[in-house]
């Protein structure tokens, strides 16, 4: 599937306390004006007793990006050149192992995961070089609007080998 942009999308957690963030690899509009996408949703497993906060990455195909959560305004970043989802996934997972992420002790850190994936894509030349600053501006604006539902500073997890 060709990818024209990457979208950072947030939805409220079931308790309504904070947002959970995912990435969407969005295809160009088709003949019906729809934009298909593949979402990358990294969440704590809670199932491995030795590593409860180790991330499990779920990838899903959606017929329309409109069907993917939009609880808050997404951050959309154009892809610099013609690229496919397969190329991006190879770069992210086979070359850089971004799925090897551990959330903090409270199961938080999804926004940081999205930010680091975008930074890795910038290093690879797939998205704009100043993505870090753009992401920080996105965070600043949403924190001003949502307050504690959008905690700052950003809550981080860590990568493992």
Protein backbone atom coordinates (compact mmCIF):
# COMPACT_ATOMS: atom_id res chain seq x y z
CA UNK A 1 0.00 0.00 0.00
CA UNK A 2 1.44 3.42 -0.90
CA UNK A 3 1.75 5.86 2.01
CA UNK A 4 1.31 9.62 1.62
CA UNK A 5 1.36 10.69 5.27
CA UNK A 6 1.71 9.50 8.82
CA UNK A 7 -0.89 10.49 11.37
CA UNK A 8 -0.49 10.58 15.17
CA UNK A 9 -3.94 9.93 16.58
CA UNK A 10 -5.18 9.96 20.15
CA UNK A 11 -8.20 8.44 21.85
CA UNK A 12 -9.33 8.71 25.45
CA UNK A 13 -8.48 5.76 27.65
CA UNK A 14 -11.51 3.87 29.04
CA UNK A 15 -11.23 5.69 32.38
CA UNK A 16 -11.21 9.07 30.57
CA UNK A 17 -8.09 10.16 32.47
CA UNK A 18 -5.60 10.46 29.59
CA UNK A 19 -5.18 9.78 25.87
CA UNK A 20 -3.69 6.71 24.18
CA UNK A 21 -1.71 7.44 21.02
CA UNK A 22 -1.17 5.39 17.88
CA UNK A 23 0.35 5.95 14.46
CA UNK A 24 -1.49 5.54 11.17
CA UNK A 25 0.24 4.97 7.83
CA UNK A 26 -2.21 6.72 5.51
CA UNK A 27 -2.61 5.99 1.79
CA UNK A 28 -3.41 8.65 -0.81
CA UNK A 29 -7.11 9.21 -1.50
CA UNK A 30 -8.66 6.57 -3.74
CA UNK A 31 -11.22 7.15 -6.50
CA UNK A 32 -13.96 7.46 -3.85
CA UNK A 33 -12.06 10.02 -1.80
CA UNK A 34 -11.25 7.55 0.98
CA UNK A 35 -7.85 7.23 2.60
CA UNK A 36 -7.06 3.68 3.69
CA UNK A 37 -4.60 3.21 6.51
CA UNK A 38 -2.65 0.76 8.59
CA UNK A 39 -2.51 1.59 12.29
CA UNK A 40 0.43 0.81 14.55
CA UNK A 41 -0.87 0.49 18.10
CA UNK A 42 1.70 -0.27 20.80
CA UNK A 43 0.32 -1.07 24.27
CA UNK A 44 1.59 -2.91 27.36
CA UNK A 45 1.02 -6.66 27.23
CA UNK A 46 0.04 -7.07 30.91
CA UNK A 47 0.28 -10.83 30.21
CA UNK A 48 3.98 -11.71 30.62
CA UNK A 49 4.55 -11.98 34.39
CA UNK A 50 8.25 -11.19 33.90
CA UNK A 51 7.62 -8.13 31.71
CA UNK A 52 4.09 -6.80 32.31
CA UNK A 53 4.84 -3.47 30.64
CA UNK A 54 6.56 -4.85 27.56
CA UNK A 55 4.77 -3.51 24.51
CA UNK A 56 2.69 -5.56 22.12
CA UNK A 57 2.36 -3.94 18.72
CA UNK A 58 -0.95 -4.48 16.93
CA UNK A 59 -1.17 -3.59 13.25
CA UNK A 60 -4.61 -3.19 11.69
CA UNK A 61 -5.85 -2.30 8.23
CA UNK A 62 -8.73 0.22 7.97
CA UNK A 63 -10.76 1.04 4.87
CA UNK A 64 -10.88 4.69 5.97
CA UNK A 65 -8.66 6.75 8.24
CA UNK A 66 -11.89 8.47 9.32
CA UNK A 67 -12.79 5.27 11.20
CA UNK A 68 -9.65 5.59 13.32
CA UNK A 69 -10.01 7.53 16.55
CA UNK A 70 -9.96 11.29 16.41
CA UNK A 71 -10.68 12.32 19.96
CA UNK A 72 -8.27 15.18 19.45
CA UNK A 73 -6.82 16.86 16.37
CA UNK A 74 -4.21 14.52 14.88
CA UNK A 75 -0.69 15.45 13.90
CA UNK A 76 -0.35 14.70 10.18
CA UNK A 77 3.09 14.51 8.61
CA UNK A 78 3.61 14.12 4.87
CA UNK A 79 5.95 11.40 3.67
CA UNK A 80 8.76 12.92 1.59
CA UNK A 81 8.90 10.44 -1.27
CA UNK A 82 6.86 7.67 -2.80
CA UNK A 83 7.05 4.89 -0.28
CA UNK A 84 5.00 1.85 0.67
CA UNK A 85 3.84 0.61 4.04
CA UNK A 86 6.06 -2.44 3.51
CA UNK A 87 9.14 -0.23 3.09
CA UNK A 88 8.33 1.76 6.23
CA UNK A 89 7.63 -1.40 8.25
CA UNK A 90 10.90 -2.98 7.08
CA UNK A 91 12.77 0.17 8.10
CA UNK A 92 11.05 0.44 11.49
CA UNK A 93 10.83 -3.20 12.55
CA UNK A 94 13.57 -5.12 10.73
CA UNK A 95 16.23 -2.42 10.80
CA UNK A 96 15.42 -0.45 13.97
CA UNK A 97 13.24 -2.79 16.11
CA UNK A 98 10.94 -0.02 17.33
CA UNK A 99 8.46 -2.63 18.52
CA UNK A 100 10.89 -3.52 21.35
CA UNK A 101 9.48 -0.97 23.74
CA UNK A 102 8.71 -1.19 27.43
CA UNK A 103 6.15 1.17 28.96
CA UNK A 104 6.73 2.73 32.39
CA UNK A 105 5.54 1.02 35.59
CA UNK A 106 2.07 2.55 35.11
CA UNK A 107 1.72 1.34 31.51
CA UNK A 108 2.30 4.81 30.08
CA UNK A 109 4.60 6.05 27.32
CA UNK A 110 2.66 5.60 24.07
CA UNK A 111 3.09 9.23 23.02
CA UNK A 112 6.84 8.93 23.52
CA UNK A 113 6.83 5.77 21.41
CA UNK A 114 5.07 7.67 18.59
CA UNK A 115 7.55 10.55 18.88
CA UNK A 116 10.59 8.27 18.73
CA UNK A 117 9.20 6.38 15.73
CA UNK A 118 8.69 9.67 13.88
CA UNK A 119 12.22 10.77 14.79
CA UNK A 120 13.57 7.48 13.44
CA UNK A 121 11.62 8.06 10.20
CA UNK A 122 13.15 11.55 9.97
CA UNK A 123 16.64 10.07 10.38
CA UNK A 124 15.80 7.72 7.49
CA UNK A 125 14.71 10.64 5.31
CA UNK A 126 11.05 9.58 5.15
CA UNK A 127 9.59 12.62 6.93
CA UNK A 128 10.70 16.19 7.59
CA UNK A 129 13.89 16.66 9.59
CA UNK A 130 12.30 18.99 12.14
CA UNK A 131 9.70 16.43 13.22
CA UNK A 132 10.94 16.62 16.83
CA UNK A 133 10.11 20.33 17.06
CA UNK A 134 6.80 19.81 15.25
CA UNK A 135 5.87 17.05 17.71
CA UNK A 136 6.80 19.25 20.68
CA UNK A 137 4.57 22.03 19.32
CA UNK A 138 1.73 19.48 18.92
CA UNK A 139 2.24 18.49 22.57
CA UNK A 140 2.38 22.08 23.80
CA UNK A 141 -0.88 23.01 22.03
CA UNK A 142 -2.75 19.92 23.25
CA UNK A 143 -1.46 20.24 26.81
CA UNK A 144 -2.75 23.84 26.86
CA UNK A 145 -6.15 22.59 25.69
CA UNK A 146 -6.46 19.34 27.67
CA UNK A 147 -4.33 19.89 30.77
CA UNK A 148 -3.80 16.76 32.87
CA UNK A 149 -5.41 14.55 30.21
CA UNK A 150 -2.36 15.39 28.11
CA UNK A 151 0.43 15.18 30.73
CA UNK A 152 3.63 17.14 30.33
CA UNK A 153 6.48 16.60 30.40
CA UNK A 154 6.03 13.63 28.12
CA UNK A 155 5.89 10.29 29.94
CA UNK A 156 8.54 7.94 28.58
CA UNK A 157 9.17 4.25 28.36
CA UNK A 158 12.37 2.62 27.14
CA UNK A 159 13.63 0.38 24.37
CA UNK A 160 15.15 -3.04 25.07
CA UNK A 161 17.35 -5.41 23.05
